[in-house]
PDB file of N, CA and C in Angstrom:
ATOM      1  N   UNK A   1     -18.956  28.253  15.255  1.00  0.00           N
ATOM      2  CA  UNK A   1     -19.136  27.147  14.344  1.00  0.00           C
ATOM      3  C   UNK A   1     -20.804  26.247  14.005  1.00  0.00           C
ATOM      4  N   UNK A   2     -21.063  26.680  12.672  1.00  0.00           N
ATOM      5  CA  UNK A   2     -22.344  26.033  12.363  1.00  0.00           C
ATOM      6  C   UNK A   2     -21.981  24.658  11.794  1.00  0.00           C
ATOM      7  N   UNK A   3     -23.222  23.633  11.786  1.00  0.00           N
ATOM      8  CA  UNK A   3     -23.261  22.164  11.224  1.00  0.00           C
ATOM      9  C   UNK A   3     -22.552  21.973  10.131  1.00  0.00           C
ATOM     10  N   UNK A   4     -23.023  23.347   9.339  1.00  0.00           N
ATOM     11  CA  UNK A   4     -22.232  22.376   7.949  1.00  0.00           C
ATOM     12  C   UNK A   4     -20.462  22.456   7.914  1.00  0.00           C
ATOM     13  N   UNK A   5     -19.900  23.580   8.941  1.00  0.00           N
ATOM     14  CA  UNK A   5     -18.586  23.332   8.811  1.00  0.00           C
ATOM     15  C   UNK A   5     -18.433  22.089   9.651  1.00  0.00           C
ATOM     16  N   UNK A   6     -19.058  21.517  10.566  1.00  0.00           N
ATOM     17  CA  UNK A   6     -18.345  20.531  11.570  1.00  0.00           C
ATOM     18  C   UNK A   6     -18.936  18.743  10.345  1.00  0.00           C
ATOM     19  N   UNK A   7     -19.734  18.985   9.870  1.00  0.00           N
ATOM     20  CA  UNK A   7     -19.891  18.014   8.671  1.00  0.00           C
ATOM     21  C   UNK A   7     -18.570  18.026   7.653  1.00  0.00           C
ATOM     22  N   UNK A   8     -18.283  19.460   6.914  1.00  0.00           N
ATOM     23  CA  UNK A   8     -17.302  19.116   5.939  1.00  0.00           C
ATOM     24  C   UNK A   8     -16.162  19.196   6.655  1.00  0.00           C
ATOM     25  N   UNK A   9     -15.740  19.664   8.116  1.00  0.00           N
ATOM     26  CA  UNK A   9     -14.337  19.643   8.533  1.00  0.00           C
ATOM     27  C   UNK A   9     -14.266  18.027   8.829  1.00  0.00           C
ATOM     28  N   UNK A  10     -15.107  17.467   8.929  1.00  0.00           N
ATOM     29  CA  UNK A  10     -15.367  15.661   9.303  1.00  0.00           C
ATOM     30  C   UNK A  10     -14.924  15.224   8.173  1.00  0.00           C
ATOM     31  N   UNK A  11     -16.077  15.272   6.998  1.00  0.00           N
ATOM     32  CA  UNK A  11     -15.649  14.486   5.840  1.00  0.00           C
ATOM     33  C   UNK A  11     -14.295  14.980   5.368  1.00  0.00           C
ATOM     34  N   UNK A  12     -14.071  15.726   4.864  1.00  0.00           N
ATOM     35  CA  UNK A  12     -12.626  16.329   4.288  1.00  0.00           C
ATOM     36  C   UNK A  12     -11.435  15.736   4.835  1.00  0.00           C
ATOM     37  N   UNK A  13     -11.475  15.532   6.307  1.00  0.00           N
ATOM     38  CA  UNK A  13     -10.625  14.903   7.325  1.00  0.00           C
ATOM     39  C   UNK A  13     -10.952  13.379   7.455  1.00  0.00           C
ATOM     40  N   UNK A  14     -11.994  12.817   7.280  1.00  0.00           N
ATOM     41  CA  UNK A  14     -11.924  11.099   6.774  1.00  0.00           C
ATOM     42  C   UNK A  14     -11.521  10.925   5.291  1.00  0.00           C
ATOM     43  N   UNK A  15     -11.741  12.001   4.365  1.00  0.00           N
ATOM     44  CA  UNK A  15     -10.810  11.589   2.926  1.00  0.00           C
ATOM     45  C   UNK A  15      -9.349  11.807   2.905  1.00  0.00           C
ATOM     46  N   UNK A  16      -9.073  12.344   3.632  1.00  0.00           N
ATOM     47  CA  UNK A  16      -7.833  12.478   3.812  1.00  0.00           C
ATOM     48  C   UNK A  16      -7.200  11.559   4.557  1.00  0.00           C
ATOM     49  N   UNK A  17      -7.534  11.235   5.326  1.00  0.00           N
ATOM     50  CA  UNK A  17      -7.248   9.517   6.158  1.00  0.00           C
ATOM     51  C   UNK A  17      -7.500   8.656   4.944  1.00  0.00           C
ATOM     52  N   UNK A  18      -8.307   8.352   4.004  1.00  0.00           N
ATOM     53  CA  UNK A  18      -8.401   7.418   3.536  1.00  0.00           C
ATOM     54  C   UNK A  18      -7.584   7.538   1.851  1.00  0.00           C
ATOM     55  N   UNK A  19      -7.575   8.776   1.863  1.00  0.00           N
ATOM     56  CA  UNK A  19      -6.079   9.171   0.552  1.00  0.00           C
ATOM     57  C   UNK A  19      -4.789   8.403   0.951  1.00  0.00           C
ATOM     58  N   UNK A  20      -4.508   8.880   2.562  1.00  0.00           N
ATOM     59  CA  UNK A  20      -3.212   8.254   2.619  1.00  0.00           C
ATOM     60  C   UNK A  20      -2.981   6.895   3.060  1.00  0.00           C
ATOM     61  N   UNK A  21      -4.173   6.374   3.497  1.00  0.00           N
ATOM     62  CA  UNK A  21      -4.155   4.635   2.213  1.00  0.00           C
ATOM     63  C   UNK A  21      -4.100   4.462   1.382  1.00  0.00           C
ATOM     64  N   UNK A  22      -4.561   5.299   0.319  1.00  0.00           N
ATOM     65  CA  UNK A  22      -4.558   4.676  -1.031  1.00  0.00           C
ATOM     66  C   UNK A  22      -3.298   5.112  -1.395  1.00  0.00           C
ATOM     67  N   UNK A  23      -2.472   6.323  -0.929  1.00  0.00           N
ATOM     68  CA  UNK A  23      -0.819   6.668  -0.893  1.00  0.00           C
ATOM     69  C   UNK A  23      -0.170   5.469  -0.859  1.00  0.00           C
ATOM     70  N   UNK A  24      -0.576   4.846   0.457  1.00  0.00           N
ATOM     71  CA  UNK A  24       0.358   3.530   0.966  1.00  0.00           C
ATOM     72  C   UNK A  24       0.256   2.481  -0.099  1.00  0.00           C
ATOM     73  N   UNK A  25      -1.305   2.349  -0.649  1.00  0.00           N
ATOM     74  CA  UNK A  25      -1.433   0.939  -1.367  1.00  0.00           C
ATOM     75  C   UNK A  25      -0.728   1.424  -2.838  1.00  0.00           C
ATOM     76  N   UNK A  26      -0.857   2.422  -3.480  1.00  0.00           N
ATOM     77  CA  UNK A  26      -0.398   2.934  -4.656  1.00  0.00           C
ATOM     78  C   UNK A  26       1.367   2.970  -4.723  1.00  0.00           C
ATOM     79  N   UNK A  27       2.465   3.425  -3.298  1.00  0.00           N
ATOM     80  CA  UNK A  27       3.367   3.014  -3.835  1.00  0.00           C
ATOM     81  C   UNK A  27       4.129   1.581  -3.484  1.00  0.00           C
ATOM     82  N   UNK A  28       3.077   0.706  -2.574  1.00  0.00           N
ATOM     83  CA  UNK A  28       3.379  -0.962  -2.574  1.00  0.00           C
ATOM     84  C   UNK A  28       3.348  -1.343  -4.074  1.00  0.00           C
ATOM     85  N   UNK A  29       2.449  -0.585  -5.234  1.00  0.00           N
ATOM     86  CA  UNK A  29       2.349  -1.375  -6.400  1.00  0.00           C
ATOM     87  C   UNK A  29       3.276  -0.172  -7.396  1.00  0.00           C
ATOM     88  N   UNK A  30       4.287   0.509  -6.870  1.00  0.00           N
ATOM     89  CA  UNK A  30       5.192   1.060  -7.445  1.00  0.00           C
ATOM     90  C   UNK A  30       5.101   2.445  -8.408  1.00  0.00           C
ATOM     91  N   UNK A  31       3.550   3.270  -7.805  1.00  0.00           N
ATOM     92  CA  UNK A  31       3.411   4.232  -8.427  1.00  0.00           C
ATOM     93  C   UNK A  31       3.634   5.581  -7.566  1.00  0.00           C
ATOM     94  N   UNK A  32       4.625   6.503  -8.118  1.00  0.00           N
ATOM     95  CA  UNK A  32       4.992   7.371  -7.016  1.00  0.00           C
ATOM     96  C   UNK A  32       4.598   8.727  -7.838  1.00  0.00           C
ATOM     97  N   UNK A  33       4.226   9.048  -9.035  1.00  0.00           N
ATOM     98  CA  UNK A  33       4.152   9.928  -9.600  1.00  0.00           C
ATOM     99  C   UNK A  33       2.117  10.345  -9.093  1.00  0.00           C
ATOM    100  N   UNK A  34       1.435   9.922  -9.681  1.00  0.00           N
ATOM    101  CA  UNK A  34       0.309  10.496  -9.545  1.00  0.00           C
ATOM    102  C   UNK A  34      -0.185  10.389  -7.889  1.00  0.00           C
ATOM    103  N   UNK A  35       0.061   9.060  -7.489  1.00  0.00           N
ATOM    104  CA  UNK A  35      -0.319   9.286  -6.002  1.00  0.00           C
ATOM    105  C   UNK A  35       0.147  10.465  -4.833  1.00  0.00           C
ATOM    106  N   UNK A  36       1.744  10.868  -5.375  1.00  0.00           N
ATOM    107  CA  UNK A  36       2.239  12.283  -4.561  1.00  0.00           C
ATOM    108  C   UNK A  36       1.333  13.038  -4.601  1.00  0.00           C
ATOM    109  N   UNK A  37       0.702  13.267  -6.066  1.00  0.00           N
ATOM    110  CA  UNK A  37      -0.502  14.536  -6.389  1.00  0.00           C
ATOM    111  C   UNK A  37      -1.324  14.438  -5.890  1.00  0.00           C
ATOM    112  N   UNK A  38      -2.003  13.388  -5.529  1.00  0.00           N
ATOM    113  CA  UNK A  38      -3.114  13.076  -4.980  1.00  0.00           C
ATOM    114  C   UNK A  38      -3.040  13.522  -3.255  1.00  0.00           C
ATOM    115  N   UNK A  39      -1.827  12.593  -3.177  1.00  0.00           N
ATOM    116  CA  UNK A  39      -1.854  13.097  -1.563  1.00  0.00           C
ATOM    117  C   UNK A  39      -1.914  14.600  -1.522  1.00  0.00           C
ATOM    118  N   UNK A  40      -0.955  15.206  -2.156  1.00  0.00           N
ATOM    119  CA  UNK A  40      -0.840  16.716  -1.428  1.00  0.00           C
ATOM    120  C   UNK A  40      -2.112  17.254  -1.897  1.00  0.00           C
ATOM    121  N   UNK A  41      -3.088  17.241  -2.948  1.00  0.00           N
ATOM    122  CA  UNK A  41      -4.220  17.963  -3.329  1.00  0.00           C
ATOM    123  C   UNK A  41      -5.703  17.406  -2.140  1.00  0.00           C
ATOM    124  N   UNK A  42      -5.455  16.221  -1.967  1.00  0.00           N
ATOM    125  CA  UNK A  42      -6.695  15.686  -1.111  1.00  0.00           C
ATOM    126  C   UNK A  42      -6.367  15.700   0.387  1.00  0.00           C
ATOM    127  N   UNK A  43      -4.392  16.162   0.651  1.00  0.00           N
ATOM    128  CA  UNK A  43      -5.037  16.233   2.278  1.00  0.00           C
ATOM    129  C   UNK A  43      -5.191  18.036   2.755  1.00  0.00           C
ATOM    130  N   UNK A  44      -4.925  18.776   2.002  1.00  0.00           N
ATOM    131  CA  UNK A  44      -4.785  20.326   1.286  1.00  0.00           C
ATOM    132  C   UNK A  44      -6.297  20.486   1.273  1.00  0.00           C
ATOM    133  N   UNK A  45      -7.300  19.657   1.178  1.00  0.00           N
ATOM    134  CA  UNK A  45      -8.663  20.442   1.204  1.00  0.00           C
ATOM    135  C   UNK A  45      -8.958  20.292   2.743  1.00  0.00           C
ATOM    136  N   UNK A  46      -8.795  19.638   3.525  1.00  0.00           N
ATOM    137  CA  UNK A  46      -9.501  19.664   4.962  1.00  0.00           C
ATOM    138  C   UNK A  46      -8.683  20.804   5.757  1.00  0.00           C
ATOM    139  N   UNK A  47      -6.872  20.861   5.186  1.00  0.00           N
ATOM    140  CA  UNK A  47      -6.643  21.670   6.055  1.00  0.00           C
ATOM    141  C   UNK A  47      -7.164  23.184   5.581  1.00  0.00           C
ATOM    142  N   UNK A  48      -7.498  23.729   4.508  1.00  0.00           N
ATOM    143  CA  UNK A  48      -8.045  24.604   4.250  1.00  0.00           C
ATOM    144  C   UNK A  48      -9.283  25.077   4.950  1.00  0.00           C
ATOM    145  N   UNK A  49     -10.698  23.918   4.996  1.00  0.00           N
ATOM    146  CA  UNK A  49     -11.133  23.931   5.906  1.00  0.00           C
ATOM    147  C   UNK A  49     -11.190  24.224   7.145  1.00  0.00           C
ATOM    148  N   UNK A  50     -10.453  23.499   7.658  1.00  0.00           N
ATOM    149  CA  UNK A  50     -10.242  23.895   9.015  1.00  0.00           C
ATOM    150  C   UNK A  50      -9.845  25.503   8.779  1.00  0.00           C
ATOM    151  N   UNK A  51      -8.805  25.919   8.298  1.00  0.00           N
ATOM    152  CA  UNK A  51      -7.907  27.397   8.171  1.00  0.00           C
ATOM    153  C   UNK A  51      -9.336  27.993   8.123  1.00  0.00           C
ATOM    154  N   UNK A  52     -10.334  27.821   6.985  1.00  0.00           N
ATOM    155  CA  UNK A  52     -12.001  28.557   7.392  1.00  0.00           C
ATOM    156  C   UNK A  52     -12.686  28.864   8.383  1.00  0.00           C
ATOM    157  N   UNK A  53     -12.376  27.429   9.211  1.00  0.00           N
ATOM    158  CA  UNK A  53     -13.433  27.933  10.017  1.00  0.00           C
ATOM    159  C   UNK A  53     -12.621  28.822  11.181  1.00  0.00           C
ATOM    160  N   UNK A  54     -11.417  28.792  11.271  1.00  0.00           N
ATOM    161  CA  UNK A  54     -10.933  30.277  11.772  1.00  0.00           C
ATOM    162  C   UNK A  54     -10.349  31.286  11.467  1.00  0.00           C
ATOM    163  N   UNK A  55     -11.554  31.300  10.145  1.00  0.00           N
ATOM    164  CA  UNK A  55     -11.319  32.595   9.272  1.00  0.00           C
ATOM    165  C   UNK A  55     -11.153  34.101  10.422  1.00  0.00           C
ATOM    166  N   UNK A  56     -11.117  34.935  10.000  1.00  0.00           N
ATOM    167  CA  UNK A  56     -10.790  36.131  10.781  1.00  0.00           C
ATOM    168  C   UNK A  56     -12.097  37.195  10.548  1.00  0.00           C
ATOM    169  N   UNK A  57     -12.664  36.719   9.097  1.00  0.00           N
ATOM    170  CA  UNK A  57     -13.745  37.409   8.320  1.00  0.00           C
ATOM    171  C   UNK A  57     -14.429  36.720   7.594  1.00  0.00           C
ATOM    172  N   UNK A  58     -15.691  37.304   7.276  1.00  0.00           N
ATOM    173  CA  UNK A  58     -16.500  35.865   6.181  1.00  0.00           C
ATOM    174  C   UNK A  58     -15.632  36.218   4.690  1.00  0.00           C
ATOM    175  N   UNK A  59     -14.876  37.207   4.010  1.00  0.00           N
ATOM    176  CA  UNK A  59     -14.178  37.264   3.456  1.00  0.00           C
ATOM    177  C   UNK A  59     -13.215  36.172   3.156  1.00  0.00           C
ATOM    178  N   UNK A  60     -12.076  36.318   4.044  1.00  0.00           N
ATOM    179  CA  UNK A  60     -11.448  35.504   4.750  1.00  0.00           C
ATOM    180  C   UNK A  60     -11.758  33.724   4.583  1.00  0.00           C
ATOM    181  N   UNK A  61     -13.064  33.745   5.088  1.00  0.00           N
ATOM    182  CA  UNK A  61     -13.619  32.238   5.175  1.00  0.00           C
ATOM    183  C   UNK A  61     -14.147  31.704   3.737  1.00  0.00           C
ATOM    184  N   UNK A  62     -14.185  32.890   2.857  1.00  0.00           N
ATOM    185  CA  UNK A  62     -14.765  32.114   1.408  1.00  0.00           C
ATOM    186  C   UNK A  62     -13.236  32.194   0.971  1.00  0.00           C
ATOM    187  N   UNK A  63     -12.377  33.544   1.038  1.00  0.00           N
ATOM    188  CA  UNK A  63     -11.071  32.467   0.354  1.00  0.00           C
ATOM    189  C   UNK A  63     -10.732  31.101   0.503  1.00  0.00           C
ATOM    190  N   UNK A  64     -10.489  31.091   1.868  1.00  0.00           N
ATOM    191  CA  UNK A  64      -9.967  29.579   2.361  1.00  0.00           C
ATOM    192  C   UNK A  64     -11.163  28.336   1.503  1.00  0.00           C
ATOM    193  N   UNK A  65     -12.283  28.585   1.608  1.00  0.00           N
ATOM    194  CA  UNK A  65     -13.330  27.829   1.416  1.00  0.00           C
ATOM    195  C   UNK A  65     -12.793  27.186   0.003  1.00  0.00           C
ATOM    196  N   UNK A  66     -12.663  28.430  -0.843  1.00  0.00           N
ATOM    197  CA  UNK A  66     -12.249  28.632  -2.314  1.00  0.00           C
ATOM    198  C   UNK A  66     -10.938  27.764  -2.716  1.00  0.00           C
ATOM    199  N   UNK A  67     -10.091  28.051  -1.956  1.00  0.00           N
ATOM    200  CA  UNK A  67      -8.906  27.437  -1.986  1.00  0.00           C
ATOM    201  C   UNK A  67      -9.293  25.925  -1.675  1.00  0.00           C
ATOM    202  N   UNK A  68     -10.105  25.600  -1.096  1.00  0.00           N
ATOM    203  CA  UNK A  68     -10.148  23.988  -0.178  1.00  0.00           C
ATOM    204  C   UNK A  68     -11.379  22.971  -1.706  1.00  0.00           C
ATOM    205  N   UNK A  69     -11.986  24.240  -2.435  1.00  0.00           N
ATOM    206  CA  UNK A  69     -12.851  23.544  -3.251  1.00  0.00           C
ATOM    207  C   UNK A  69     -11.981  23.374  -4.696  1.00  0.00           C
ATOM    208  N   UNK A  70     -10.828  24.423  -5.008  1.00  0.00           N
ATOM    209  CA  UNK A  70      -9.942  24.313  -5.987  1.00  0.00           C
ATOM    210  C   UNK A  70      -9.321  22.920  -5.858  1.00  0.00           C
ATOM    211  N   UNK A  71      -8.319  22.919  -4.803  1.00  0.00           N
ATOM    212  CA  UNK A  71      -7.627  21.618  -4.104  1.00  0.00           C
ATOM    213  C   UNK A  71      -8.810  20.274  -4.180  1.00  0.00           C
ATOM    214  N   UNK A  72     -10.053  20.305  -4.188  1.00  0.00           N
ATOM    215  CA  UNK A  72     -10.884  19.091  -3.807  1.00  0.00           C
ATOM    216  C   UNK A  72     -11.246  19.019  -5.568  1.00  0.00           C
ATOM    217  N   UNK A  73     -11.171  19.807  -6.508  1.00  0.00           N
ATOM    218  CA  UNK A  73     -11.324  19.325  -8.064  1.00  0.00           C
ATOM    219  C   UNK A  73      -9.805  18.931  -8.730  1.00  0.00           C
ATOM    220  N   UNK A  74      -8.728  19.577  -8.151  1.00  0.00           N
ATOM    221  CA  UNK A  74      -7.570  18.933  -8.494  1.00  0.00           C
ATOM    222  C   UNK A  74      -7.645  17.460  -8.097  1.00  0.00           C
ATOM    223  N   UNK A  75      -7.941  17.296  -6.783  1.00  0.00           N
ATOM    224  CA  UNK A  75      -7.791  15.608  -6.334  1.00  0.00           C
ATOM    225  C   UNK A  75      -9.092  15.093  -7.419  1.00  0.00           C
ATOM    226  N   UNK A  76      -9.799  15.798  -8.041  1.00  0.00           N
ATOM    227  CA  UNK A  76     -11.031  14.622  -8.670  1.00  0.00           C
ATOM    228  C   UNK A  76     -10.153  14.455 -10.288  1.00  0.00           C
ATOM    229  N   UNK A  77      -9.840  15.531 -10.245  1.00  0.00           N
ATOM    230  CA  UNK A  77      -8.875  15.302 -11.573  1.00  0.00           C
ATOM    231  C   UNK A  77      -7.130  14.270 -11.473  1.00  0.00           C
ATOM    232  N   UNK A  78      -7.158  14.220 -10.306  1.00  0.00           N
ATOM    233  CA  UNK A  78      -5.953  12.981 -10.716  1.00  0.00           C
ATOM    234  C   UNK A  78      -6.339  11.939  -9.823  1.00  0.00           C
ATOM    235  N   UNK A  79      -7.592  11.969  -9.761  1.00  0.00           N
ATOM    236  CA  UNK A  79      -8.188  10.666  -9.044  1.00  0.00           C
ATOM    237  C   UNK A  79      -9.000   9.778 -10.495  1.00  0.00           C
ATOM    238  N   UNK A  80      -9.283  10.894 -11.521  1.00  0.00           N
ATOM    239  CA  UNK A  80      -9.940  10.666 -12.880  1.00  0.00           C
ATOM    240  C   UNK A  80      -8.628   9.897 -13.654  1.00  0.00           C
ATOM    241  N   UNK A  81      -7.403  10.524 -13.722  1.00  0.00           N
ATOM    242  CA  UNK A  81      -6.363   9.988 -14.749  1.00  0.00           C
ATOM    243  C   UNK A  81      -5.765   9.000 -14.121  1.00  0.00           C
ATOM    244  N   UNK A  82      -5.622   8.498 -12.646  1.00  0.00           N
ATOM    245  CA  UNK A  82      -5.413   7.505 -12.466  1.00  0.00           C
ATOM    246  C   UNK A  82      -6.567   6.294 -12.812  1.00  0.00           C
ATOM    247  N   UNK A  83      -7.849   6.978 -12.528  1.00  0.00           N
ATOM    248  CA  UNK A  83      -8.435   5.721 -13.130  1.00  0.00           C
ATOM    249  C   UNK A  83      -8.583   4.915 -14.456  1.00  0.00           C
ATOM    250  N   UNK A  84      -8.321   6.252 -15.775  1.00  0.00           N
ATOM    251  CA  UNK A  84      -8.086   5.999 -16.838  1.00  0.00           C
ATOM    252  C   UNK A  84      -6.904   5.181 -17.088  1.00  0.00           C
ATOM    253  N   UNK A  85      -5.695   5.441 -16.384  1.00  0.00           N
ATOM    254  CA  UNK A  85      -4.602   4.932 -16.701  1.00  0.00           C
ATOM    255  C   UNK A  85      -4.103   3.405 -16.544  1.00  0.00           C
ATOM    256  N   UNK A  86      -3.261   3.027 -16.834  1.00  0.00           N
ATOM    257  CA  UNK A  86      -3.164   1.415 -16.356  1.00  0.00           C
ATOM    258  C   UNK A  86      -2.029   1.604 -15.769  1.00  0.00           C
ATOM    259  N   UNK A  87      -2.034   2.280 -14.838  1.00  0.00           N
ATOM    260  CA  UNK A  87      -0.821   2.232 -13.582  1.00  0.00           C
ATOM    261  C   UNK A  87      -1.310   1.317 -12.466  1.00  0.00           C
ATOM    262  N   UNK A  88      -2.435   1.255 -12.342  1.00  0.00           N
ATOM    263  CA  UNK A  88      -2.844   0.775 -11.160  1.00  0.00           C
ATOM    264  C   UNK A  88      -3.796  -0.590 -11.535  1.00  0.00           C
ATOM    265  N   UNK A  89      -3.966  -1.396 -10.540  1.00  0.00           N
ATOM    266  CA  UNK A  89      -5.601  -2.097 -10.767  1.00  0.00           C
ATOM    267  C   UNK A  89      -6.629  -1.341  -9.436  1.00  0.00           C
ATOM    268  N   UNK A  90      -6.279  -0.757  -8.623  1.00  0.00           N
ATOM    269  CA  UNK A  90      -6.912   0.070  -7.608  1.00  0.00           C
ATOM    270  C   UNK A  90      -7.738   0.675  -7.994  1.00  0.00           C
ATOM    271  N   UNK A  91      -9.216   0.257  -7.627  1.00  0.00           N
ATOM    272  CA  UNK A  91     -10.358   0.929  -7.868  1.00  0.00           C
ATOM    273  C   UNK A  91     -10.635   2.097  -6.913  1.00  0.00           C
ATOM    274  N   UNK A  92     -10.744   3.118  -7.755  1.00  0.00           N
ATOM    275  CA  UNK A  92     -10.762   4.736  -7.196  1.00  0.00           C
ATOM    276  C   UNK A  92     -12.128   5.656  -7.060  1.00  0.00           C
ATOM    277  N   UNK A  93     -13.044   4.638  -7.815  1.00  0.00           N
ATOM    278  CA  UNK A  93     -14.310   5.053  -7.678  1.00  0.00           C
ATOM    279  C   UNK A  93     -15.198   5.514  -6.579  1.00  0.00           C
ATOM    280  N   UNK A  94     -15.064   4.781  -5.501  1.00  0.00           N
ATOM    281  CA  UNK A  94     -15.801   5.368  -4.365  1.00  0.00           C
ATOM    282  C   UNK A  94     -14.821   6.662  -3.470  1.00  0.00           C
ATOM    283  N   UNK A  95     -13.662   6.975  -4.033  1.00  0.00           N
ATOM    284  CA  UNK A  95     -12.990   8.279  -3.525  1.00  0.00           C
ATOM    285  C   UNK A  95     -13.676   9.432  -5.087  1.00  0.00           C
ATOM    286  N   UNK A  96     -13.600   8.585  -6.263  1.00  0.00           N
ATOM    287  CA  UNK A  96     -14.383   9.970  -6.801  1.00  0.00           C
ATOM    288  C   UNK A  96     -15.487  10.245  -6.415  1.00  0.00           C
ATOM    289  N   UNK A  97     -16.298   9.357  -6.011  1.00  0.00           N
ATOM    290  CA  UNK A  97     -18.009   9.956  -5.004  1.00  0.00           C
ATOM    291  C   UNK A  97     -17.845  10.482  -3.977  1.00  0.00           C
ATOM    292  N   UNK A  98     -16.627  10.214  -3.130  1.00  0.00           N
ATOM    293  CA  UNK A  98     -16.602  11.067  -1.618  1.00  0.00           C
ATOM    294  C   UNK A  98     -16.076  12.379  -2.394  1.00  0.00           C
ATOM    295  N   UNK A  99     -14.907  12.458  -3.245  1.00  0.00           N
ATOM    296  CA  UNK A  99     -14.923  13.952  -3.584  1.00  0.00           C
ATOM    297  C   UNK A  99     -15.543  14.890  -4.082  1.00  0.00           C
ATOM    298  N   UNK A 100     -16.453  14.001  -5.125  1.00  0.00           N
ATOM    299  CA  UNK A 100     -17.916  14.480  -5.565  1.00  0.00           C
ATOM    300  C   UNK A 100     -18.959  15.707  -4.788  1.00  0.00           C
ATOM    301  N   UNK A 101     -18.754  14.792  -3.946  1.00  0.00           N
ATOM    302  CA  UNK A 101     -19.857  14.838  -2.210  1.00  0.00           C
ATOM    303  C   UNK A 101     -18.965  16.186  -2.207  1.00  0.00           C
ATOM    304  N   UNK A 102     -18.199  16.023  -1.768  1.00  0.00           N
ATOM    305  CA  UNK A 102     -16.837  17.007  -1.089  1.00  0.00           C
ATOM    306  C   UNK A 102     -16.906  18.464  -1.450  1.00  0.00           C
ATOM    307  N   UNK A 103     -16.759  18.553  -3.024  1.00  0.00           N
ATOM    308  CA  UNK A 103     -17.047  19.474  -4.158  1.00  0.00           C
ATOM    309  C   UNK A 103     -18.431  20.191  -3.461  1.00  0.00           C
ATOM    310  N   UNK A 104     -19.140  19.354  -3.582  1.00  0.00           N
ATOM    311  CA  UNK A 104     -21.015  20.050  -3.633  1.00  0.00           C
ATOM    312  C   UNK A 104     -21.118  20.656  -2.739  1.00  0.00           C
ATOM    313  N   UNK A 105     -20.907  20.135  -1.493  1.00  0.00           N
ATOM    314  CA  UNK A 105     -20.783  20.987   0.036  1.00  0.00           C
ATOM    315  C   UNK A 105     -20.315  21.778  -0.039  1.00  0.00           C
ATOM    316  N   UNK A 106     -19.057  22.082  -0.420  1.00  0.00           N
ATOM    317  CA  UNK A 106     -17.904  23.490  -0.443  1.00  0.00           C
ATOM    318  C   UNK A 106     -18.700  24.597  -0.897  1.00  0.00           C
ATOM    319  N   UNK A 107     -18.917  24.182  -2.296  1.00  0.00           N
ATOM    320  CA  UNK A 107     -19.599  24.806  -3.415  1.00  0.00           C
ATOM    321  C   UNK A 107     -20.868  25.497  -2.583  1.00  0.00           C
ATOM    322  N   UNK A 108     -22.010  24.544  -2.300  1.00  0.00           N
ATOM    323  CA  UNK A 108     -23.115  25.427  -1.265  1.00  0.00           C
ATOM    324  C   UNK A 108     -22.545  26.086  -0.014  1.00  0.00           C
ATOM    325  N   UNK A 109     -21.516  25.953   0.787  1.00  0.00           N
ATOM    326  CA  UNK A 109     -20.979  26.692   1.655  1.00  0.00           C
ATOM    327  C   UNK A 109     -20.484  27.798   1.388  1.00  0.00           C
ATOM    328  N   UNK A 110     -19.898  27.874  -0.042  1.00  0.00           N
ATOM    329  CA  UNK A 110     -18.927  29.416  -0.373  1.00  0.00           C
ATOM    330  C   UNK A 110     -20.023  30.239  -0.590  1.00  0.00           C
ATOM    331  N   UNK A 111     -21.454  29.782  -2.034  1.00  0.00           N
ATOM    332  CA  UNK A 111     -22.722  30.547  -2.077  1.00  0.00           C
ATOM    333  C   UNK A 111     -23.546  30.947  -1.264  1.00  0.00           C
ATOM    334  N   UNK A 112     -23.543  29.962  -0.104  1.00  0.00           N
ATOM    335  CA  UNK A 112     -24.498  30.611   0.907  1.00  0.00           C
ATOM    336  C   UNK A 112     -23.761  31.533   1.871  1.00  0.00           C
ATOM    337  N   UNK A 113     -22.373  31.633   1.873  1.00  0.00           N
ATOM    338  CA  UNK A 113     -21.617  32.752   2.791  1.00  0.00           C
ATOM    339  C   UNK A 113     -21.510  33.827   1.793  1.00  0.00           C
ATOM    340  N   UNK A 114     -21.547  33.934   0.393  1.00  0.00           N
ATOM    341  CA  UNK A 114     -21.611  34.752  -0.614  1.00  0.00           C
ATOM    342  C   UNK A 114     -23.074  35.486  -0.592  1.00  0.00           C
ATOM    343  N   UNK A 115     -23.454  34.921  -0.198  1.00  0.00           N
ATOM    344  CA  UNK A 115     -25.370  35.514  -0.406  1.00  0.00           C
ATOM    345  C   UNK A 115     -25.705  36.281   0.809  1.00  0.00           C
ATOM    346  N   UNK A 116     -25.201  35.973   2.031  1.00  0.00           N
ATOM    347  CA  UNK A 116     -25.235  36.419   3.004  1.00  0.00           C
ATOM    348  C   UNK A 116     -24.637  37.540   3.599  1.00  0.00           C
ATOM    349  N   UNK A 117     -24.244  38.505   2.393  1.00  0.00           N
ATOM    350  CA  UNK A 117     -23.218  39.756   3.245  1.00  0.00           C
ATOM    351  C   UNK A 117     -23.779  40.564   3.698  1.00  0.00           C
TER     352      UNK A 117
END
């Protein structure tokens, strides 16, 4: 496992934990639709990163990281939707910044992995 994998695994795990806490806050405000979508996609990012770390081949690694990237982008979409809606007063800007960092790191990992074939 190289350094980037450790960083992204830690970042995605910590992000998932913060999203679980956001989900709890949103449920308290009776927001049940977008919060569930965010919870599913955000926790899936780290799960796919973990699968990538245990990949059986470079192709498998790139595939799992690509799924993590898609889940991160989906999470960004739901967070933006939540931010622009009037469903809650909870500030989500920090979550948007963090998911953007995660997307950037995963994108670099995928590109580097594809180039080193």
